[in-house]
Amino acid sequence: KSEQLAGRAVDLAMYGNLGYQLLSTLKVEGDGSITILDTLQHRK
């Protein structure tokens, strides 16, 4: 679980370094898993 969350942190940091801003985070709980959906935007 820690590895998976660390991977998420790396992805979000990469987009942050490219100028993206976090719009929303959605957590979806399913049978045997949790999915976190982060939506980011960057002005063209």
Full PDB file with SEQRES, HELIX, SHEET, SSBOND, CRYST1, ORIGX, SCALE, CONECT and MASTER records, all heavy atoms in Angstrom:
SEQRES   1 A   44  LYS SER GLU GLN LEU ALA GLY ARG ALA VAL ASP LEU ALA          
SEQRES   2 A   44  MET TYR GLY ASN LEU GLY TYR GLN LEU LEU SER THR LEU          
SEQRES   3 A   44  LYS VAL GLU GLY ASP GLY SER ILE THR ILE LEU ASP THR          
SEQRES   4 A   44  LEU GLN HIS ARG LYS                                          
HELIX    1 AA1 SER A    2  ASN A   17  1                                  16    
SHEET    1 AA1 2 GLN A  21  GLY A  30  0                                        
SHEET    2 AA1 2 SER A  33  GLN A  41 -1                                        
CRYST1    1.000    1.000    1.000  90.00  90.00  90.00 P 1           1          
ORIGX1      1.000000  0.000000  0.000000        0.00000                         
ORIGX2      0.000000  1.000000  0.000000        0.00000                         
ORIGX3      0.000000  0.000000  1.000000        0.00000                         
SCALE1      1.000000  0.000000  0.000000        0.00000                         
SCALE2      0.000000  1.000000  0.000000        0.00000                         
SCALE3      0.000000  0.000000  1.000000        0.00000                         
ATOM      1  N   LYS A   1       0.845  -1.207   0.000  1.00  0.00           N  
ATOM      2  CA  LYS A   1       0.000   0.000   0.000  1.00  0.00           C  
ATOM      3  C   LYS A   1       0.876   1.251   0.000  1.00  0.00           C  
ATOM      4  O   LYS A   1       0.602   2.211  -0.716  1.00  0.00           O  
ATOM      5  CB  LYS A   1      -0.925   0.005   1.219  1.00  0.00           C  
ATOM      6  CG  LYS A   1      -2.026  -1.023   1.157  1.00  0.00           C  
ATOM      7  CD  LYS A   1      -2.830  -1.015   2.449  1.00  0.00           C  
ATOM      8  CE  LYS A   1      -3.791  -2.186   2.472  1.00  0.00           C  
ATOM      9  NZ  LYS A   1      -4.486  -2.299   3.749  1.00  0.00           N  
ATOM     10  N   SER A   2       1.940   1.223   0.808  1.00  0.00           N  
ATOM     11  CA  SER A   2       2.859   2.362   0.868  1.00  0.00           C  
ATOM     12  C   SER A   2       3.525   2.602  -0.478  1.00  0.00           C  
ATOM     13  O   SER A   2       3.683   3.751  -0.898  1.00  0.00           O  
ATOM     14  CB  SER A   2       3.927   2.125   1.933  1.00  0.00           C  
ATOM     15  OG  SER A   2       3.342   2.093   3.207  1.00  0.00           O  
ATOM     16  N   GLU A   3       3.918   1.526  -1.150  1.00  0.00           N  
ATOM     17  CA  GLU A   3       4.524   1.655  -2.490  1.00  0.00           C  
ATOM     18  C   GLU A   3       3.552   2.312  -3.466  1.00  0.00           C  
ATOM     19  O   GLU A   3       3.936   3.180  -4.245  1.00  0.00           O  
ATOM     20  CB  GLU A   3       4.916   0.286  -3.037  1.00  0.00           C  
ATOM     21  CG  GLU A   3       6.177  -0.299  -2.477  1.00  0.00           C  
ATOM     22  CD  GLU A   3       6.522  -1.613  -3.158  1.00  0.00           C  
ATOM     23  OE1 GLU A   3       5.597  -2.394  -3.480  1.00  0.00           O  
ATOM     24  OE2 GLU A   3       7.716  -1.849  -3.376  1.00  0.00           O  
ATOM     25  N   GLN A   4       2.304   1.870  -3.433  1.00  0.00           N  
ATOM     26  CA  GLN A   4       1.305   2.420  -4.352  1.00  0.00           C  
ATOM     27  C   GLN A   4       1.046   3.896  -4.068  1.00  0.00           C  
ATOM     28  O   GLN A   4       0.925   4.707  -4.993  1.00  0.00           O  
ATOM     29  CB  GLN A   4       0.013   1.596  -4.274  1.00  0.00           C  
ATOM     30  CG  GLN A   4       0.184   0.193  -4.834  1.00  0.00           C  
ATOM     31  CD  GLN A   4      -0.992  -0.713  -4.518  1.00  0.00           C  
ATOM     32  OE1 GLN A   4      -1.542  -0.675  -3.428  1.00  0.00           O  
ATOM     33  NE2 GLN A   4      -1.356  -1.542  -5.481  1.00  0.00           N  
ATOM     34  N   LEU A   5       0.970   4.271  -2.796  1.00  0.00           N  
ATOM     35  CA  LEU A   5       0.759   5.677  -2.450  1.00  0.00           C  
ATOM     36  C   LEU A   5       1.980   6.529  -2.791  1.00  0.00           C  
ATOM     37  O   LEU A   5       1.844   7.683  -3.201  1.00  0.00           O  
ATOM     38  CB  LEU A   5       0.395   5.806  -0.971  1.00  0.00           C  
ATOM     39  CG  LEU A   5      -1.002   5.290  -0.615  1.00  0.00           C  
ATOM     40  CD1 LEU A   5      -1.176   5.256   0.899  1.00  0.00           C  
ATOM     41  CD2 LEU A   5      -2.081   6.138  -1.272  1.00  0.00           C  
ATOM     42  N   ALA A   6       3.166   5.959  -2.653  1.00  0.00           N  
ATOM     43  CA  ALA A   6       4.389   6.679  -3.034  1.00  0.00           C  
ATOM     44  C   ALA A   6       4.397   6.932  -4.541  1.00  0.00           C  
ATOM     45  O   ALA A   6       4.800   8.009  -4.997  1.00  0.00           O  
ATOM     46  CB  ALA A   6       5.620   5.888  -2.613  1.00  0.00           C  
ATOM     47  N   GLY A   7       3.940   5.961  -5.330  1.00  0.00           N  
ATOM     48  CA  GLY A   7       3.847   6.142  -6.779  1.00  0.00           C  
ATOM     49  C   GLY A   7       2.888   7.261  -7.140  1.00  0.00           C  
ATOM     50  O   GLY A   7       3.147   8.066  -8.042  1.00  0.00           O  
ATOM     51  N   ARG A   8       1.775   7.338  -6.415  1.00  0.00           N  
ATOM     52  CA  ARG A   8       0.807   8.414  -6.634  1.00  0.00           C  
ATOM     53  C   ARG A   8       1.452   9.760  -6.333  1.00  0.00           C  
ATOM     54  O   ARG A   8       1.287  10.731  -7.087  1.00  0.00           O  
ATOM     55  CB  ARG A   8      -0.413   8.194  -5.746  1.00  0.00           C  
ATOM     56  CG  ARG A   8      -1.407   9.325  -5.767  1.00  0.00           C  
ATOM     57  CD  ARG A   8      -2.618   9.008  -4.873  1.00  0.00           C  
ATOM     58  NE  ARG A   8      -3.503  10.135  -4.803  1.00  0.00           N  
ATOM     59  CZ  ARG A   8      -3.627  10.926  -3.734  1.00  0.00           C  
ATOM     60  NH1 ARG A   8      -2.934  10.685  -2.646  1.00  0.00           N  
ATOM     61  NH2 ARG A   8      -4.451  11.950  -3.761  1.00  0.00           N  
ATOM     62  N   ALA A   9       2.199   9.843  -5.233  1.00  0.00           N  
ATOM     63  CA  ALA A   9       2.860  11.094  -4.855  1.00  0.00           C  
ATOM     64  C   ALA A   9       3.851  11.535  -5.925  1.00  0.00           C  
ATOM     65  O   ALA A   9       3.937  12.729  -6.250  1.00  0.00           O  
ATOM     66  CB  ALA A   9       3.565  10.922  -3.513  1.00  0.00           C  
ATOM     67  N   VAL A  10       4.580  10.586  -6.504  1.00  0.00           N  
ATOM     68  CA  VAL A  10       5.540  10.911  -7.568  1.00  0.00           C  
ATOM     69  C   VAL A  10       4.799  11.458  -8.790  1.00  0.00           C  
ATOM     70  O   VAL A  10       5.213  12.463  -9.380  1.00  0.00           O  
ATOM     71  CB  VAL A  10       6.386   9.668  -7.935  1.00  0.00           C  
ATOM     72  CG1 VAL A  10       7.176   9.902  -9.223  1.00  0.00           C  
ATOM     73  CG2 VAL A  10       7.326   9.306  -6.791  1.00  0.00           C  
ATOM     74  N   ASP A  11       3.700  10.803  -9.164  1.00  0.00           N  
ATOM     75  CA  ASP A  11       2.921  11.268 -10.319  1.00  0.00           C  
ATOM     76  C   ASP A  11       2.386  12.686 -10.097  1.00  0.00           C  
ATOM     77  O   ASP A  11       2.490  13.548 -10.979  1.00  0.00           O  
ATOM     78  CB  ASP A  11       1.743  10.330 -10.595  1.00  0.00           C  
ATOM     79  CG  ASP A  11       2.171   8.990 -11.152  1.00  0.00           C  
ATOM     80  OD1 ASP A  11       3.322   8.864 -11.624  1.00  0.00           O  
ATOM     81  OD2 ASP A  11       1.345   8.052 -11.117  1.00  0.00           O  
ATOM     82  N   LEU A  12       1.815  12.933  -8.920  1.00  0.00           N  
ATOM     83  CA  LEU A  12       1.262  14.253  -8.645  1.00  0.00           C  
ATOM     84  C   LEU A  12       2.358  15.321  -8.600  1.00  0.00           C  
ATOM     85  O   LEU A  12       2.161  16.436  -9.097  1.00  0.00           O  
ATOM     86  CB  LEU A  12       0.474  14.239  -7.333  1.00  0.00           C  
ATOM     87  CG  LEU A  12      -0.807  13.393  -7.341  1.00  0.00           C  
ATOM     88  CD1 LEU A  12      -1.454  13.407  -5.959  1.00  0.00           C  
ATOM     89  CD2 LEU A  12      -1.790  13.866  -8.404  1.00  0.00           C  
ATOM     90  N   ALA A  13       3.504  14.987  -8.035  1.00  0.00           N  
ATOM     91  CA  ALA A  13       4.624  15.938  -7.995  1.00  0.00           C  
ATOM     92  C   ALA A  13       5.111  16.267  -9.405  1.00  0.00           C  
ATOM     93  O   ALA A  13       5.419  17.423  -9.709  1.00  0.00           O  
ATOM     94  CB  ALA A  13       5.767  15.376  -7.152  1.00  0.00           C  
ATOM     95  N   MET A  14       5.162  15.249 -10.278  1.00  0.00           N  
ATOM     96  CA  MET A  14       5.607  15.473 -11.651  1.00  0.00           C  
ATOM     97  C   MET A  14       4.680  16.468 -12.354  1.00  0.00           C  
ATOM     98  O   MET A  14       5.132  17.421 -12.983  1.00  0.00           O  
ATOM     99  CB  MET A  14       5.635  14.155 -12.428  1.00  0.00           C  
ATOM    100  CG  MET A  14       5.999  14.329 -13.897  1.00  0.00           C  
ATOM    101  SD  MET A  14       5.628  12.891 -14.917  1.00  0.00           S  
ATOM    102  CE  MET A  14       3.847  12.857 -14.869  1.00  0.00           C  
ATOM    103  N   TYR A  15       3.361  16.252 -12.227  1.00  0.00           N  
ATOM    104  CA  TYR A  15       2.422  17.170 -12.859  1.00  0.00           C  
ATOM    105  C   TYR A  15       2.492  18.555 -12.221  1.00  0.00           C  
ATOM    106  O   TYR A  15       2.372  19.573 -12.911  1.00  0.00           O  
ATOM    107  CB  TYR A  15       0.993  16.615 -12.816  1.00  0.00           C  
ATOM    108  CG  TYR A  15       0.769  15.551 -13.852  1.00  0.00           C  
ATOM    109  CD1 TYR A  15       0.603  14.224 -13.488  1.00  0.00           C  
ATOM    110  CD2 TYR A  15       0.737  15.868 -15.202  1.00  0.00           C  
ATOM    111  CE1 TYR A  15       0.404  13.236 -14.446  1.00  0.00           C  
ATOM    112  CE2 TYR A  15       0.547  14.897 -16.169  1.00  0.00           C  
ATOM    113  CZ  TYR A  15       0.374  13.583 -15.785  1.00  0.00           C  
ATOM    114  OH  TYR A  15       0.186  12.614 -16.734  1.00  0.00           O  
ATOM    115  N   GLY A  16       2.694  18.622 -10.914  1.00  0.00           N  
ATOM    116  CA  GLY A  16       2.845  19.905 -10.244  1.00  0.00           C  
ATOM    117  C   GLY A  16       4.048  20.671 -10.776  1.00  0.00           C  
ATOM    118  O   GLY A  16       3.977  21.878 -11.004  1.00  0.00           O  
ATOM    119  N   ASN A  17       5.145  19.964 -11.015  1.00  0.00           N  
ATOM    120  CA  ASN A  17       6.343  20.598 -11.574  1.00  0.00           C  
ATOM    121  C   ASN A  17       6.120  21.100 -12.993  1.00  0.00           C  
ATOM    122  O   ASN A  17       6.827  21.994 -13.454  1.00  0.00           O  
ATOM    123  CB  ASN A  17       7.525  19.629 -11.543  1.00  0.00           C  
ATOM    124  CG  ASN A  17       8.037  19.385 -10.140  1.00  0.00           C  
ATOM    125  OD1 ASN A  17       7.816  20.189  -9.247  1.00  0.00           O  
ATOM    126  ND2 ASN A  17       8.698  18.259  -9.935  1.00  0.00           N  
ATOM    127  N   LEU A  18       5.140  20.520 -13.684  1.00  0.00           N  
ATOM    128  CA  LEU A  18       4.815  20.954 -15.048  1.00  0.00           C  
ATOM    129  C   LEU A  18       3.773  22.077 -15.055  1.00  0.00           C  
ATOM    130  O   LEU A  18       3.334  22.517 -16.120  1.00  0.00           O  
ATOM    131  CB  LEU A  18       4.292  19.762 -15.869  1.00  0.00           C  
ATOM    132  CG  LEU A  18       5.301  18.661 -16.160  1.00  0.00           C  
ATOM    133  CD1 LEU A  18       4.614  17.461 -16.814  1.00  0.00           C  
ATOM    134  CD2 LEU A  18       6.435  19.175 -17.044  1.00  0.00           C  
ATOM    135  N   GLY A  19       3.359  22.530 -13.860  1.00  0.00           N  
ATOM    136  CA  GLY A  19       2.430  23.649 -13.773  1.00  0.00           C  
ATOM    137  C   GLY A  19       0.969  23.265 -13.651  1.00  0.00           C  
ATOM    138  O   GLY A  19       0.100  24.125 -13.727  1.00  0.00           O  
ATOM    139  N   TYR A  20       0.684  21.985 -13.461  1.00  0.00           N  
ATOM    140  CA  TYR A  20      -0.707  21.560 -13.285  1.00  0.00           C  
ATOM    141  C   TYR A  20      -1.168  21.863 -11.867  1.00  0.00           C  
ATOM    142  O   TYR A  20      -0.382  21.837 -10.928  1.00  0.00           O  
ATOM    143  CB  TYR A  20      -0.856  20.050 -13.548  1.00  0.00           C  
ATOM    144  CG  TYR A  20      -0.856  19.690 -15.010  1.00  0.00           C  
ATOM    145  CD1 TYR A  20       0.321  19.623 -15.731  1.00  0.00           C  
ATOM    146  CD2 TYR A  20      -2.043  19.423 -15.677  1.00  0.00           C  
ATOM    147  CE1 TYR A  20       0.330  19.296 -17.077  1.00  0.00           C  
ATOM    148  CE2 TYR A  20      -2.054  19.091 -17.020  1.00  0.00           C  
ATOM    149  CZ  TYR A  20      -0.868  19.027 -17.716  1.00  0.00           C  
ATOM    150  OH  TYR A  20      -0.863  18.705 -19.045  1.00  0.00           O  
ATOM    151  N   GLN A  21      -2.468  22.139 -11.738  1.00  0.00           N  
ATOM    152  CA  GLN A  21      -3.069  22.401 -10.437  1.00  0.00           C  
ATOM    153  C   GLN A  21      -4.131  21.336 -10.166  1.00  0.00           C  
ATOM    154  O   GLN A  21      -4.894  20.959 -11.070  1.00  0.00           O  
ATOM    155  CB  GLN A  21      -3.729  23.768 -10.410  1.00  0.00           C  
ATOM    156  CG  GLN A  21      -2.752  24.907 -10.582  1.00  0.00           C  
ATOM    157  CD  GLN A  21      -3.462  26.248 -10.615  1.00  0.00           C  
ATOM    158  OE1 GLN A  21      -4.606  26.348 -11.046  1.00  0.00           O  
ATOM    159  NE2 GLN A  21      -2.775  27.281 -10.164  1.00  0.00           N  
ATOM    160  N   LEU A  22      -4.199  20.885  -8.926  1.00  0.00           N  
ATOM    161  CA  LEU A  22      -5.169  19.875  -8.535  1.00  0.00           C  
ATOM    162  C   LEU A  22      -6.559  20.486  -8.490  1.00  0.00           C  
ATOM    163  O   LEU A  22      -6.781  21.499  -7.838  1.00  0.00           O  
ATOM    164  CB  LEU A  22      -4.799  19.291  -7.171  1.00  0.00           C  
ATOM    165  CG  LEU A  22      -5.686  18.163  -6.644  1.00  0.00           C  
ATOM    166  CD1 LEU A  22      -5.572  16.937  -7.552  1.00  0.00           C  
ATOM    167  CD2 LEU A  22      -5.291  17.807  -5.220  1.00  0.00           C  
ATOM    168  N   LEU A  23      -7.497  19.875  -9.211  1.00  0.00           N  
ATOM    169  CA  LEU A  23      -8.883  20.332  -9.211  1.00  0.00           C  
ATOM    170  C   LEU A  23      -9.719  19.562  -8.205  1.00  0.00           C  
ATOM    171  O   LEU A  23     -10.512  20.134  -7.469  1.00  0.00           O  
ATOM    172  CB  LEU A  23      -9.526  20.132 -10.594  1.00  0.00           C  
ATOM    173  CG  LEU A  23      -9.135  21.059 -11.703  1.00  0.00           C  
ATOM    174  CD1 LEU A  23      -9.840  20.658 -12.991  1.00  0.00           C  
ATOM    175  CD2 LEU A  23      -9.494  22.484 -11.351  1.00  0.00           C  
ATOM    176  N   SER A  24      -9.561  18.237  -8.212  1.00  0.00           N  
ATOM    177  CA  SER A  24     -10.391  17.426  -7.326  1.00  0.00           C  
ATOM    178  C   SER A  24      -9.740  16.075  -7.078  1.00  0.00           C  
ATOM    179  O   SER A  24      -8.918  15.603  -7.859  1.00  0.00           O  
ATOM    180  CB  SER A  24     -11.781  17.215  -7.929  1.00  0.00           C  
ATOM    181  OG  SER A  24     -11.697  16.418  -9.093  1.00  0.00           O  
ATOM    182  N   THR A  25     -10.138  15.485  -5.959  1.00  0.00           N  
ATOM    183  CA  THR A  25      -9.724  14.135  -5.609  1.00  0.00           C  
ATOM    184  C   THR A  25     -10.988  13.374  -5.223  1.00  0.00           C  
ATOM    185  O   THR A  25     -11.774  13.856  -4.409  1.00  0.00           O  
ATOM    186  CB  THR A  25      -8.722  14.137  -4.434  1.00  0.00           C  
ATOM    187  OG1 THR A  25      -7.554  14.855  -4.837  1.00  0.00           O  
ATOM    188  CG2 THR A  25      -8.317  12.727  -4.045  1.00  0.00           C  
ATOM    189  N   LEU A  26     -11.146  12.210  -5.822  1.00  0.00           N  
ATOM    190  CA  LEU A  26     -12.321  11.379  -5.571  1.00  0.00           C  
ATOM    191  C   LEU A  26     -11.846  10.005  -5.120  1.00  0.00           C  
ATOM    192  O   LEU A  26     -10.969   9.414  -5.744  1.00  0.00           O  
ATOM    193  CB  LEU A  26     -13.152  11.258  -6.851  1.00  0.00           C  
ATOM    194  CG  LEU A  26     -14.356  10.330  -6.831  1.00  0.00           C  
ATOM    195  CD1 LEU A  26     -15.425  10.880  -5.892  1.00  0.00           C  
ATOM    196  CD2 LEU A  26     -14.923  10.182  -8.229  1.00  0.00           C  
ATOM    197  N   LYS A  27     -12.412   9.535  -4.027  1.00  0.00           N  
ATOM    198  CA  LYS A  27     -12.076   8.199  -3.537  1.00  0.00           C  
ATOM    199  C   LYS A  27     -13.274   7.292  -3.769  1.00  0.00           C  
ATOM    200  O   LYS A  27     -14.384   7.604  -3.351  1.00  0.00           O  
ATOM    201  CB  LYS A  27     -11.741   8.243  -2.043  1.00  0.00           C  
ATOM    202  CG  LYS A  27     -11.368   6.893  -1.471  1.00  0.00           C  
ATOM    203  CD  LYS A  27     -10.970   7.001  -0.004  1.00  0.00           C  
ATOM    204  CE  LYS A  27     -12.149   6.700   0.862  1.00  0.00           C  
ATOM    205  NZ  LYS A  27     -11.848   6.576   2.277  1.00  0.00           N  
ATOM    206  N   VAL A  28     -13.042   6.174  -4.465  1.00  0.00           N  
ATOM    207  CA  VAL A  28     -14.096   5.211  -4.764  1.00  0.00           C  
ATOM    208  C   VAL A  28     -13.728   3.896  -4.092  1.00  0.00           C  
ATOM    209  O   VAL A  28     -12.675   3.325  -4.381  1.00  0.00           O  
ATOM    210  CB  VAL A  28     -14.249   5.005  -6.292  1.00  0.00           C  
ATOM    211  CG1 VAL A  28     -15.351   4.000  -6.580  1.00  0.00           C  
ATOM    212  CG2 VAL A  28     -14.504   6.324  -6.994  1.00  0.00           C  
ATOM    213  N   GLU A  29     -14.574   3.444  -3.196  1.00  0.00           N  
ATOM    214  CA  GLU A  29     -14.315   2.190  -2.503  1.00  0.00           C  
ATOM    215  C   GLU A  29     -15.078   1.062  -3.188  1.00  0.00           C  
ATOM    216  O   GLU A  29     -16.264   1.175  -3.444  1.00  0.00           O  
ATOM    217  CB  GLU A  29     -14.724   2.294  -1.037  1.00  0.00           C  
ATOM    218  CG  GLU A  29     -13.883   3.306  -0.278  1.00  0.00           C  
ATOM    219  CD  GLU A  29     -14.170   3.321   1.207  1.00  0.00           C  
ATOM    220  OE1 GLU A  29     -14.419   2.248   1.774  1.00  0.00           O  
ATOM    221  OE2 GLU A  29     -14.131   4.417   1.777  1.00  0.00           O  
ATOM    222  N   GLY A  30     -14.346  -0.010  -3.507  1.00  0.00           N  
ATOM    223  CA  GLY A  30     -14.944  -1.170  -4.139  1.00  0.00           C  
ATOM    224  C   GLY A  30     -14.661  -2.406  -3.317  1.00  0.00           C  
ATOM    225  O   GLY A  30     -14.099  -2.334  -2.224  1.00  0.00           O  
ATOM    226  N   ASP A  31     -15.032  -3.527  -3.855  1.00  0.00           N  
ATOM    227  CA  ASP A  31     -14.813  -4.788  -3.171  1.00  0.00           C  
ATOM    228  C   ASP A  31     -13.337  -5.159  -3.266  1.00  0.00           C  
ATOM    229  O   ASP A  31     -12.862  -5.547  -4.326  1.00  0.00           O  
ATOM    230  CB  ASP A  31     -15.694  -5.877  -3.792  1.00  0.00           C  
ATOM    231  CG  ASP A  31     -15.620  -7.181  -3.022  1.00  0.00           C  
ATOM    232  OD1 ASP A  31     -15.445  -7.126  -1.788  1.00  0.00           O  
ATOM    233  OD2 ASP A  31     -15.720  -8.246  -3.661  1.00  0.00           O  
ATOM    234  N   GLY A  32     -12.606  -4.995  -2.184  1.00  0.00           N  
ATOM    235  CA  GLY A  32     -11.200  -5.369  -2.166  1.00  0.00           C  
ATOM    236  C   GLY A  32     -10.233  -4.312  -2.642  1.00  0.00           C  
ATOM    237  O   GLY A  32      -9.038  -4.569  -2.728  1.00  0.00           O  
ATOM    238  N   SER A  33     -10.727  -3.120  -2.960  1.00  0.00           N  
ATOM    239  CA  SER A  33      -9.803  -2.070  -3.413  1.00  0.00           C  
ATOM    240  C   SER A  33     -10.397  -0.685  -3.177  1.00  0.00           C  
ATOM    241  O   SER A  33     -11.601  -0.528  -2.996  1.00  0.00           O  
ATOM    242  CB  SER A  33      -9.471  -2.230  -4.890  1.00  0.00           C  
ATOM    243  OG  SER A  33     -10.614  -1.973  -5.669  1.00  0.00           O  
ATOM    244  N   ILE A  34      -9.513   0.271  -3.185  1.00  0.00           N  
ATOM    245  CA  ILE A  34      -9.885   1.694  -3.129  1.00  0.00           C  
ATOM    246  C   ILE A  34      -9.202   2.356  -4.319  1.00  0.00           C  
ATOM    247  O   ILE A  34      -8.010   2.148  -4.552  1.00  0.00           O  
ATOM    248  CB  ILE A  34      -9.417   2.347  -1.824  1.00  0.00           C  
ATOM    249  CG1 ILE A  34     -10.122   1.715  -0.628  1.00  0.00           C  
ATOM    250  CG2 ILE A  34      -9.637   3.856  -1.856  1.00  0.00           C  
ATOM    251  CD1 ILE A  34      -9.569   2.147   0.712  1.00  0.00           C  
ATOM    252  N   THR A  35      -9.957   3.126  -5.079  1.00  0.00           N  
ATOM    253  CA  THR A  35      -9.395   3.861  -6.211  1.00  0.00           C  
ATOM    254  C   THR A  35      -9.448   5.349  -5.898  1.00  0.00           C  
ATOM    255  O   THR A  35     -10.480   5.860  -5.479  1.00  0.00           O  
ATOM    256  CB  THR A  35     -10.162   3.550  -7.507  1.00  0.00           C  
ATOM    257  OG1 THR A  35     -10.075   2.156  -7.768  1.00  0.00           O  
ATOM    258  CG2 THR A  35      -9.591   4.319  -8.688  1.00  0.00           C  
ATOM    259  N   ILE A  36      -8.320   6.004  -6.096  1.00  0.00           N  
ATOM    260  CA  ILE A  36      -8.231   7.453  -5.894  1.00  0.00           C  
ATOM    261  C   ILE A  36      -8.039   8.089  -7.270  1.00  0.00           C  
ATOM    262  O   ILE A  36      -7.104   7.746  -7.989  1.00  0.00           O  
ATOM    263  CB  ILE A  36      -7.051   7.813  -4.976  1.00  0.00           C  
ATOM    264  CG1 ILE A  36      -7.187   7.104  -3.627  1.00  0.00           C  
ATOM    265  CG2 ILE A  36      -6.960   9.330  -4.796  1.00  0.00           C  
ATOM    266  CD1 ILE A  36      -5.953   7.195  -2.769  1.00  0.00           C  
ATOM    267  N   LEU A  37      -8.950   8.986  -7.631  1.00  0.00           N  
ATOM    268  CA  LEU A  37      -8.886   9.684  -8.919  1.00  0.00           C  
ATOM    269  C   LEU A  37      -8.574  11.157  -8.650  1.00  0.00           C  
ATOM    270  O   LEU A  37      -9.368  11.856  -8.032  1.00  0.00           O  
ATOM    271  CB  LEU A  37     -10.211   9.569  -9.665  1.00  0.00           C  
ATOM    272  CG  LEU A  37     -10.650   8.150 -10.039  1.00  0.00           C  
ATOM    273  CD1 LEU A  37     -12.091   8.154 -10.516  1.00  0.00           C  
ATOM    274  CD2 LEU A  37      -9.731   7.597 -11.092  1.00  0.00           C  
ATOM    275  N   ASP A  38      -7.414  11.589  -9.102  1.00  0.00           N  
ATOM    276  CA  ASP A  38      -7.016  12.987  -8.975  1.00  0.00           C  
ATOM    277  C   ASP A  38      -7.150  13.645 -10.347  1.00  0.00           C  
ATOM    278  O   ASP A  38      -6.630  13.128 -11.330  1.00  0.00           O  
ATOM    279  CB  ASP A  38      -5.558  13.085  -8.514  1.00  0.00           C  
ATOM    280  CG  ASP A  38      -5.351  12.485  -7.135  1.00  0.00           C  
ATOM    281  OD1 ASP A  38      -5.884  13.062  -6.178  1.00  0.00           O  
ATOM    282  OD2 ASP A  38      -4.667  11.457  -7.023  1.00  0.00           O  
ATOM    283  N   THR A  39      -7.867  14.772 -10.397  1.00  0.00           N  
ATOM    284  CA  THR A  39      -8.017  15.505 -11.650  1.00  0.00           C  
ATOM    285  C   THR A  39      -7.228  16.804 -11.542  1.00  0.00           C  
ATOM    286  O   THR A  39      -7.361  17.541 -10.566  1.00  0.00           O  
ATOM    287  CB  THR A  39      -9.511  15.803 -11.918  1.00  0.00           C  
ATOM    288  OG1 THR A  39     -10.219  14.558 -11.925  1.00  0.00           O  
ATOM    289  CG2 THR A  39      -9.682  16.491 -13.260  1.00  0.00           C  
ATOM    290  N   LEU A  40      -6.388  17.029 -12.551  1.00  0.00           N  
ATOM    291  CA  LEU A  40      -5.523  18.205 -12.567  1.00  0.00           C  
ATOM    292  C   LEU A  40      -5.760  19.003 -13.846  1.00  0.00           C  
ATOM    293  O   LEU A  40      -6.185  18.440 -14.859  1.00  0.00           O  
ATOM    294  CB  LEU A  40      -4.058  17.775 -12.499  1.00  0.00           C  
ATOM    295  CG  LEU A  40      -3.691  16.920 -11.291  1.00  0.00           C  
ATOM    296  CD1 LEU A  40      -3.571  15.477 -11.715  1.00  0.00           C  
ATOM    297  CD2 LEU A  40      -2.417  17.389 -10.670  1.00  0.00           C  
ATOM    298  N   GLN A  41      -5.463  20.302 -13.792  1.00  0.00           N  
ATOM    299  CA  GLN A  41      -5.599  21.142 -14.989  1.00  0.00           C  
ATOM    300  C   GLN A  41      -4.368  22.014 -15.164  1.00  0.00           C  
ATOM    301  O   GLN A  41      -3.669  22.332 -14.208  1.00  0.00           O  
ATOM    302  CB  GLN A  41      -6.842  22.034 -14.890  1.00  0.00           C  
ATOM    303  CG  GLN A  41      -6.699  23.193 -13.951  1.00  0.00           C  
ATOM    304  CD  GLN A  41      -7.878  24.140 -13.987  1.00  0.00           C  
ATOM    305  OE1 GLN A  41      -8.886  23.864 -14.631  1.00  0.00           O  
ATOM    306  NE2 GLN A  41      -7.764  25.271 -13.307  1.00  0.00           N  
ATOM    307  N   HIS A  42      -4.169  22.379 -16.425  1.00  0.00           N  
ATOM    308  CA  HIS A  42      -3.067  23.284 -16.788  1.00  0.00           C  
ATOM    309  C   HIS A  42      -3.572  24.173 -17.914  1.00  0.00           C  
ATOM    310  O   HIS A  42      -4.113  23.683 -18.912  1.00  0.00           O  
ATOM    311  CB  HIS A  42      -1.857  22.483 -17.264  1.00  0.00           C  
ATOM    312  CG  HIS A  42      -0.681  23.312 -17.624  1.00  0.00           C  
ATOM    313  ND1 HIS A  42      -0.444  23.752 -18.906  1.00  0.00           N  
ATOM    314  CD2 HIS A  42       0.318  23.796 -16.873  1.00  0.00           C  
ATOM    315  CE1 HIS A  42       0.675  24.460 -18.919  1.00  0.00           C  
ATOM    316  NE2 HIS A  42       1.152  24.503 -17.710  1.00  0.00           N  
ATOM    317  N   ARG A  43      -3.436  25.476 -17.740  1.00  0.00           N  
ATOM    318  CA  ARG A  43      -3.888  26.420 -18.768  1.00  0.00           C  
ATOM    319  C   ARG A  43      -2.989  26.282 -19.993  1.00  0.00           C  
ATOM    320  O   ARG A  43      -1.767  26.299 -19.886  1.00  0.00           O  
ATOM    321  CB  ARG A  43      -3.826  27.839 -18.237  1.00  0.00           C  
ATOM    322  CG  ARG A  43      -4.310  28.865 -19.258  1.00  0.00           C  
ATOM    323  CD  ARG A  43      -4.349  30.270 -18.699  1.00  0.00           C  
ATOM    324  NE  ARG A  43      -5.488  30.418 -17.808  1.00  0.00           N  
ATOM    325  CZ  ARG A  43      -5.390  30.702 -16.509  1.00  0.00           C  
ATOM    326  NH1 ARG A  43      -4.219  30.879 -15.936  1.00  0.00           N  
ATOM    327  NH2 ARG A  43      -6.466  30.826 -15.776  1.00  0.00           N  
ATOM    328  N   LYS A  44      -3.605  26.110 -21.150  1.00  0.00           N  
ATOM    329  CA  LYS A  44      -2.832  26.037 -22.403  1.00  0.00           C  
ATOM    330  C   LYS A  44      -2.381  27.428 -22.790  1.00  0.00           C  
ATOM    331  O   LYS A  44      -3.095  28.405 -22.595  1.00  0.00           O  
ATOM    332  CB  LYS A  44      -3.699  25.471 -23.540  1.00  0.00           C  
ATOM    333  CG  LYS A  44      -3.979  24.013 -23.441  1.00  0.00           C  
ATOM    334  CD  LYS A  44      -4.717  23.546 -24.680  1.00  0.00           C  
ATOM    335  CE  LYS A  44      -4.952  22.057 -24.662  1.00  0.00           C  
ATOM    336  NZ  LYS A  44      -5.638  21.616 -25.891  1.00  0.00           N  
TER     337      LYS A  44                                                      
MASTER        0    0    0    1    2    0    0    6  336    1    0    4          
END                                                                             
